[in-house]
Amino acid sequence: MNAATETKGRAGQRAAQGAQRLPLSDVVVIDFTHVIAGPFAAMILADLGELTAHQSVHAILFNERKFFRRSPDFAYVVKAKKETYDAWAQVLGEGAGQGLFRPDLDIFLTISTIVRLLNTGADWYAHEDGSPLDALKNFSLDELTDFYLAFILRAVRTVERAGNPIPRGVAEKLVTLAQNLQPSAC
């Protein structure tokens, strides 16, 4: 059974089971528009953490994205993805508007690139298997996270700010705060 068939079968099971907690239904978005680099880094940390923790689910969501967009059974997935995109777009747009991020950023291409970069990193990290290529260097999740934070922030910051410190500590506190604000499972 391939992933699309398995996913379609689960959709029927979900409809038959009635009301059930949906994936991403407990995600909380917090507005910290007065500070940009910390929340932007927090978004990267949260996404990379989620992607590495549940890589196989996100691989299916990514690889079968056209199926999910076309199927009304998965409207909630499309809605959650749109809300996530809007949050990224807001932070990037405000950062550019405040002169913190490059004014020439193409928001759509930047978000698409970041999402693909994080998906690829999570897949690589989750499937590191000691092959000759993987054996060249093993990275901890912290090392991978630091690399992605620095790489992405250097790409979006203005030239004058490209070398500024990465606000990882602030980002980690924001992620923890968001996790503590999520509704508890009943």
C-alpha atoms as a PDB file:
ATOM      1  CA  MET A   1       0.000   0.000   0.000  1.00  0.00           C
ATOM      2  CA  ASN A   2       1.494   3.380  -0.959  1.00  0.00           C
ATOM      3  CA  ALA A   3       1.320   6.552   1.164  1.00  0.00           C
ATOM      4  CA  ALA A   4      -1.509   8.107  -0.862  1.00  0.00           C
ATOM      5  CA  THR A   5      -3.680   4.971  -0.607  1.00  0.00           C
ATOM      6  CA  GLU A   6      -2.920   4.645   3.088  1.00  0.00           C
ATOM      7  CA  THR A   7      -3.756   8.314   3.612  1.00  0.00           C
ATOM      8  CA  LYS A   8      -7.043   8.018   1.673  1.00  0.00           C
ATOM      9  CA  GLY A   9      -7.975   4.995   3.793  1.00  0.00           C
ATOM     10  CA  ARG A  10      -7.302   6.935   6.962  1.00  0.00           C
ATOM     11  CA  ALA A  11      -9.548   9.756   5.756  1.00  0.00           C
ATOM     12  CA  GLY A  12     -12.448   7.342   5.502  1.00  0.00           C
ATOM     13  CA  GLN A  13     -11.685   5.945   8.953  1.00  0.00           C
ATOM     14  CA  ARG A  14     -11.555   9.467  10.383  1.00  0.00           C
ATOM     15  CA  ALA A  15     -14.935  10.375   8.874  1.00  0.00           C
ATOM     16  CA  ALA A  16     -16.437   7.152  10.236  1.00  0.00           C
ATOM     17  CA  GLN A  17     -15.070   7.782  13.728  1.00  0.00           C
ATOM     18  CA  GLY A  18     -16.711  11.203  13.972  1.00  0.00           C
ATOM     19  CA  ALA A  19     -15.215  14.098  15.853  1.00  0.00           C
ATOM     20  CA  GLN A  20     -11.576  13.526  16.604  1.00  0.00           C
ATOM     21  CA  ARG A  21      -8.574  15.738  17.366  1.00  0.00           C
ATOM     22  CA  LEU A  22      -7.076  16.829  14.079  1.00  0.00           C
ATOM     23  CA  PRO A  23      -3.347  17.175  13.467  1.00  0.00           C
ATOM     24  CA  LEU A  24      -2.160  20.746  14.015  1.00  0.00           C
ATOM     25  CA  SER A  25      -5.466  21.610  15.767  1.00  0.00           C
ATOM     26  CA  ASP A  26      -3.606  22.488  18.956  1.00  0.00           C
ATOM     27  CA  VAL A  27      -1.065  24.809  17.314  1.00  0.00           C
ATOM     28  CA  VAL A  28      -1.006  28.262  18.902  1.00  0.00           C
ATOM     29  CA  VAL A  29       0.281  31.298  16.985  1.00  0.00           C
ATOM     30  CA  ILE A  30       1.573  34.129  19.146  1.00  0.00           C
ATOM     31  CA  ASP A  31       1.943  37.685  17.832  1.00  0.00           C
ATOM     32  CA  PHE A  32       5.261  39.281  18.768  1.00  0.00           C
ATOM     33  CA  THR A  33       5.346  41.837  15.968  1.00  0.00           C
ATOM     34  CA  HIS A  34       7.276  44.356  18.074  1.00  0.00           C
ATOM     35  CA  VAL A  35      10.363  42.128  17.928  1.00  0.00           C
ATOM     36  CA  ILE A  36      11.186  40.326  14.700  1.00  0.00           C
ATOM     37  CA  ALA A  37      14.413  38.300  14.845  1.00  0.00           C
ATOM     38  CA  GLY A  38      13.439  36.396  18.009  1.00  0.00           C
ATOM     39  CA  PRO A  39      10.007  35.300  16.748  1.00  0.00           C
ATOM     40  CA  PHE A  40      11.423  34.509  13.299  1.00  0.00           C
ATOM     41  CA  ALA A  41      14.115  32.338  14.872  1.00  0.00           C
ATOM     42  CA  ALA A  42      11.435  30.788  17.121  1.00  0.00           C
ATOM     43  CA  MET A  43       9.421  29.857  14.027  1.00  0.00           C
ATOM     44  CA  ILE A  44      12.490  28.155  12.563  1.00  0.00           C
ATOM     45  CA  LEU A  45      13.185  26.325  15.846  1.00  0.00           C
ATOM     46  CA  ALA A  46       9.573  25.223  16.257  1.00  0.00           C
ATOM     47  CA  ASP A  47       9.275  24.032  12.668  1.00  0.00           C
ATOM     48  CA  LEU A  48      12.567  22.142  12.728  1.00  0.00           C
ATOM     49  CA  GLY A  49      11.655  20.571  16.062  1.00  0.00           C
ATOM     50  CA  GLU A  50       8.238  19.476  14.776  1.00  0.00           C
ATOM     51  CA  LEU A  51       9.680  18.251  11.477  1.00  0.00           C
ATOM     52  CA  THR A  52      12.346  16.118  13.153  1.00  0.00           C
ATOM     53  CA  ALA A  53       9.946  14.768  15.802  1.00  0.00           C
ATOM     54  CA  HIS A  54       7.291  13.735  13.265  1.00  0.00           C
ATOM     55  CA  GLN A  55       9.296  13.509  10.056  1.00  0.00           C
ATOM     56  CA  SER A  56       7.315  10.703   8.409  1.00  0.00           C
ATOM     57  CA  VAL A  57       4.005  12.566   8.858  1.00  0.00           C
ATOM     58  CA  HIS A  58       5.458  15.762   7.413  1.00  0.00           C
ATOM     59  CA  ALA A  59       7.059  13.854   4.540  1.00  0.00           C
ATOM     60  CA  ILE A  60       3.618  12.547   3.581  1.00  0.00           C
ATOM     61  CA  LEU A  61       2.070  16.005   3.983  1.00  0.00           C
ATOM     62  CA  PHE A  62       4.799  17.481   1.773  1.00  0.00           C
ATOM     63  CA  ASN A  63       4.984  14.736  -0.855  1.00  0.00           C
ATOM     64  CA  GLU A  64       1.210  14.389  -1.167  1.00  0.00           C
ATOM     65  CA  ARG A  65       0.455  18.116  -0.947  1.00  0.00           C
ATOM     66  CA  LYS A  66      -1.431  18.191  -4.260  1.00  0.00           C
ATOM     67  CA  PHE A  67      -3.704  15.375  -3.075  1.00  0.00           C
ATOM     68  CA  PHE A  68      -4.404  17.170   0.200  1.00  0.00           C
ATOM     69  CA  ARG A  69      -5.215  20.429  -1.618  1.00  0.00           C
ATOM     70  CA  ARG A  70      -7.736  18.683  -3.900  1.00  0.00           C
ATOM     71  CA  SER A  71      -9.521  16.625  -1.249  1.00  0.00           C
ATOM     72  CA  PRO A  72     -12.224  18.273   0.899  1.00  0.00           C
ATOM     73  CA  ASP A  73     -11.501  15.643   3.576  1.00  0.00           C
ATOM     74  CA  PHE A  74      -8.216  17.421   4.208  1.00  0.00           C
ATOM     75  CA  ALA A  75      -9.386  21.043   4.180  1.00  0.00           C
ATOM     76  CA  TYR A  76      -8.124  21.351   7.759  1.00  0.00           C
ATOM     77  CA  VAL A  77      -4.578  20.516   6.572  1.00  0.00           C
ATOM     78  CA  VAL A  78      -4.751  23.171   3.866  1.00  0.00           C
ATOM     79  CA  LYS A  79      -6.140  25.663   6.412  1.00  0.00           C
ATOM     80  CA  ALA A  80      -3.338  24.924   8.895  1.00  0.00           C
ATOM     81  CA  LYS A  81      -0.698  25.239   6.162  1.00  0.00           C
ATOM     82  CA  LYS A  82      -2.226  28.571   5.036  1.00  0.00           C
ATOM     83  CA  GLU A  83      -2.225  29.904   8.612  1.00  0.00           C
ATOM     84  CA  THR A  84       1.410  28.895   8.984  1.00  0.00           C
ATOM     85  CA  TYR A  85       2.293  30.565   5.673  1.00  0.00           C
ATOM     86  CA  ASP A  86       0.464  33.740   6.758  1.00  0.00           C
ATOM     87  CA  ALA A  87       2.414  33.816  10.056  1.00  0.00           C
ATOM     88  CA  TRP A  88       5.742  33.461   8.203  1.00  0.00           C
ATOM     89  CA  ALA A  89       4.666  36.114   5.664  1.00  0.00           C
ATOM     90  CA  GLN A  90       3.659  38.552   8.398  1.00  0.00           C
ATOM     91  CA  VAL A  91       6.972  38.252  10.240  1.00  0.00           C
ATOM     92  CA  LEU A  92       9.035  38.521   7.046  1.00  0.00           C
ATOM     93  CA  GLY A  93       6.957  41.433   5.727  1.00  0.00           C
ATOM     94  CA  GLU A  94       7.190  43.350   8.998  1.00  0.00           C
ATOM     95  CA  GLY A  95      10.912  42.668   9.247  1.00  0.00           C
ATOM     96  CA  ALA A  96      11.419  44.038   5.739  1.00  0.00           C
ATOM     97  CA  GLY A  97       9.144  46.997   6.517  1.00  0.00           C
ATOM     98  CA  GLN A  98      11.195  47.826   9.635  1.00  0.00           C
ATOM     99  CA  GLY A  99      14.473  47.613   7.727  1.00  0.00           C
ATOM    100  CA  LEU A 100      15.603  44.491   9.593  1.00  0.00           C
ATOM    101  CA  PHE A 101      15.231  42.119   6.642  1.00  0.00           C
ATOM    102  CA  ARG A 102      16.130  42.744   3.019  1.00  0.00           C
ATOM    103  CA  PRO A 103      13.528  44.928   1.303  1.00  0.00           C
ATOM    104  CA  ASP A 104      13.811  42.927  -1.927  1.00  0.00           C
ATOM    105  CA  LEU A 105      12.702  39.630  -0.332  1.00  0.00           C
ATOM    106  CA  ASP A 106      10.203  37.719  -2.401  1.00  0.00           C
ATOM    107  CA  ILE A 107       8.059  36.518   0.501  1.00  0.00           C
ATOM    108  CA  PHE A 108       6.605  33.493  -1.326  1.00  0.00           C
ATOM    109  CA  LEU A 109       9.962  32.247  -2.624  1.00  0.00           C
ATOM    110  CA  THR A 110      11.637  32.880   0.737  1.00  0.00           C
ATOM    111  CA  ILE A 111       9.007  30.935   2.687  1.00  0.00           C
ATOM    112  CA  SER A 112       8.968  28.123   0.109  1.00  0.00           C
ATOM    113  CA  THR A 113      12.752  27.859   0.282  1.00  0.00           C
ATOM    114  CA  ILE A 114      12.815  27.866   4.093  1.00  0.00           C
ATOM    115  CA  VAL A 115      10.097  25.197   4.294  1.00  0.00           C
ATOM    116  CA  ARG A 116      11.885  22.972   1.797  1.00  0.00           C
ATOM    117  CA  LEU A 117      15.234  23.548   3.505  1.00  0.00           C
ATOM    118  CA  LEU A 118      13.827  22.574   6.903  1.00  0.00           C
ATOM    119  CA  ASN A 119      11.963  19.562   5.447  1.00  0.00           C
ATOM    120  CA  THR A 120      15.149  18.335   3.795  1.00  0.00           C
ATOM    121  CA  GLY A 121      17.200  18.879   6.960  1.00  0.00           C
ATOM    122  CA  ALA A 122      14.669  17.023   9.094  1.00  0.00           C
ATOM    123  CA  ASP A 123      14.530  14.136   6.617  1.00  0.00           C
ATOM    124  CA  TRP A 124      18.306  13.925   6.476  1.00  0.00           C
ATOM    125  CA  TYR A 125      18.630  14.112  10.275  1.00  0.00           C
ATOM    126  CA  ALA A 126      15.884  11.513  10.875  1.00  0.00           C
ATOM    127  CA  HIS A 127      17.315   9.075   8.333  1.00  0.00           C
ATOM    128  CA  GLU A 128      21.022   9.388   9.067  1.00  0.00           C
ATOM    129  CA  ASP A 129      22.121   5.794   8.757  1.00  0.00           C
ATOM    130  CA  GLY A 130      25.913   5.707   8.911  1.00  0.00           C
ATOM    131  CA  SER A 131      26.283   5.442   5.139  1.00  0.00           C
ATOM    132  CA  PRO A 132      29.624   6.674   3.752  1.00  0.00           C
ATOM    133  CA  LEU A 133      28.127  10.114   3.078  1.00  0.00           C
ATOM    134  CA  ASP A 134      26.570  10.366   6.557  1.00  0.00           C
ATOM    135  CA  ALA A 135      29.744   9.034   8.171  1.00  0.00           C
ATOM    136  CA  LEU A 136      31.717  12.054   6.935  1.00  0.00           C
ATOM    137  CA  LYS A 137      30.197  14.126   9.721  1.00  0.00           C
ATOM    138  CA  ASN A 138      27.502  13.445  12.270  1.00  0.00           C
ATOM    139  CA  PHE A 139      25.550  16.428  13.535  1.00  0.00           C
ATOM    140  CA  SER A 140      23.506  16.761  16.678  1.00  0.00           C
ATOM    141  CA  LEU A 141      20.093  18.363  16.419  1.00  0.00           C
ATOM    142  CA  ASP A 142      21.536  21.426  18.192  1.00  0.00           C
ATOM    143  CA  GLU A 143      24.311  21.739  15.593  1.00  0.00           C
ATOM    144  CA  LEU A 144      21.803  21.339  12.777  1.00  0.00           C
ATOM    145  CA  THR A 145      19.509  23.929  14.360  1.00  0.00           C
ATOM    146  CA  ASP A 146      22.329  26.439  14.837  1.00  0.00           C
ATOM    147  CA  PHE A 147      23.365  25.986  11.202  1.00  0.00           C
ATOM    148  CA  TYR A 148      19.832  26.538   9.871  1.00  0.00           C
ATOM    149  CA  LEU A 149      19.206  29.544  12.115  1.00  0.00           C
ATOM    150  CA  ALA A 150      22.431  31.235  10.998  1.00  0.00           C
ATOM    151  CA  PHE A 151      22.002  30.281   7.328  1.00  0.00           C
ATOM    152  CA  ILE A 152      18.409  31.501   7.078  1.00  0.00           C
ATOM    153  CA  LEU A 153      18.949  34.698   9.074  1.00  0.00           C
ATOM    154  CA  ARG A 154      22.009  35.591   6.960  1.00  0.00           C
ATOM    155  CA  ALA A 155      19.845  35.141   3.867  1.00  0.00           C
ATOM    156  CA  VAL A 156      16.982  37.405   4.999  1.00  0.00           C
ATOM    157  CA  ARG A 157      18.734  40.077   7.083  1.00  0.00           C
ATOM    158  CA  THR A 158      19.943  43.322   5.578  1.00  0.00           C
ATOM    159  CA  VAL A 159      23.637  43.388   4.704  1.00  0.00           C
ATOM    160  CA  GLU A 160      24.372  45.577   7.729  1.00  0.00           C
ATOM    161  CA  ARG A 161      22.686  43.099  10.079  1.00  0.00           C
ATOM    162  CA  ALA A 162      23.806  39.821   8.463  1.00  0.00           C
ATOM    163  CA  GLY A 163      26.530  39.220  11.048  1.00  0.00           C
ATOM    164  CA  ASN A 164      24.410  40.048  14.122  1.00  0.00           C
ATOM    165  CA  PRO A 165      24.140  37.372  16.808  1.00  0.00           C
ATOM    166  CA  ILE A 166      21.513  34.681  16.348  1.00  0.00           C
ATOM    167  CA  PRO A 167      18.766  35.127  18.976  1.00  0.00           C
ATOM    168  CA  ARG A 168      18.547  31.423  19.812  1.00  0.00           C
ATOM    169  CA  GLY A 169      17.990  31.952  23.551  1.00  0.00           C
ATOM    170  CA  VAL A 170      15.071  34.319  22.905  1.00  0.00           C
ATOM    171  CA  ALA A 171      13.717  31.928  20.286  1.00  0.00           C
ATOM    172  CA  GLU A 172      13.854  28.966  22.679  1.00  0.00           C
ATOM    173  CA  LYS A 173      11.975  30.956  25.332  1.00  0.00           C
ATOM    174  CA  LEU A 174       9.290  31.893  22.788  1.00  0.00           C
ATOM    175  CA  VAL A 175       8.898  28.265  21.698  1.00  0.00           C
ATOM    176  CA  THR A 176       8.577  27.175  25.337  1.00  0.00           C
ATOM    177  CA  LEU A 177       6.017  29.919  25.970  1.00  0.00           C
ATOM    178  CA  ALA A 178       3.989  28.831  22.936  1.00  0.00           C
ATOM    179  CA  GLN A 179       4.116  25.196  24.029  1.00  0.00           C
ATOM    180  CA  ASN A 180       2.896  26.143  27.501  1.00  0.00           C
ATOM    181  CA  LEU A 181      -0.011  28.105  25.991  1.00  0.00           C
ATOM    182  CA  GLN A 182      -1.248  25.160  23.935  1.00  0.00           C
ATOM    183  CA  PRO A 183      -4.501  23.679  25.186  1.00  0.00           C
ATOM    184  CA  SER A 184      -4.068  20.425  27.076  1.00  0.00           C
ATOM    185  CA  ALA A 185      -5.349  17.206  25.521  1.00  0.00           C
ATOM    186  CA  CYS A 186      -8.636  16.031  27.003  1.00  0.00           C
END
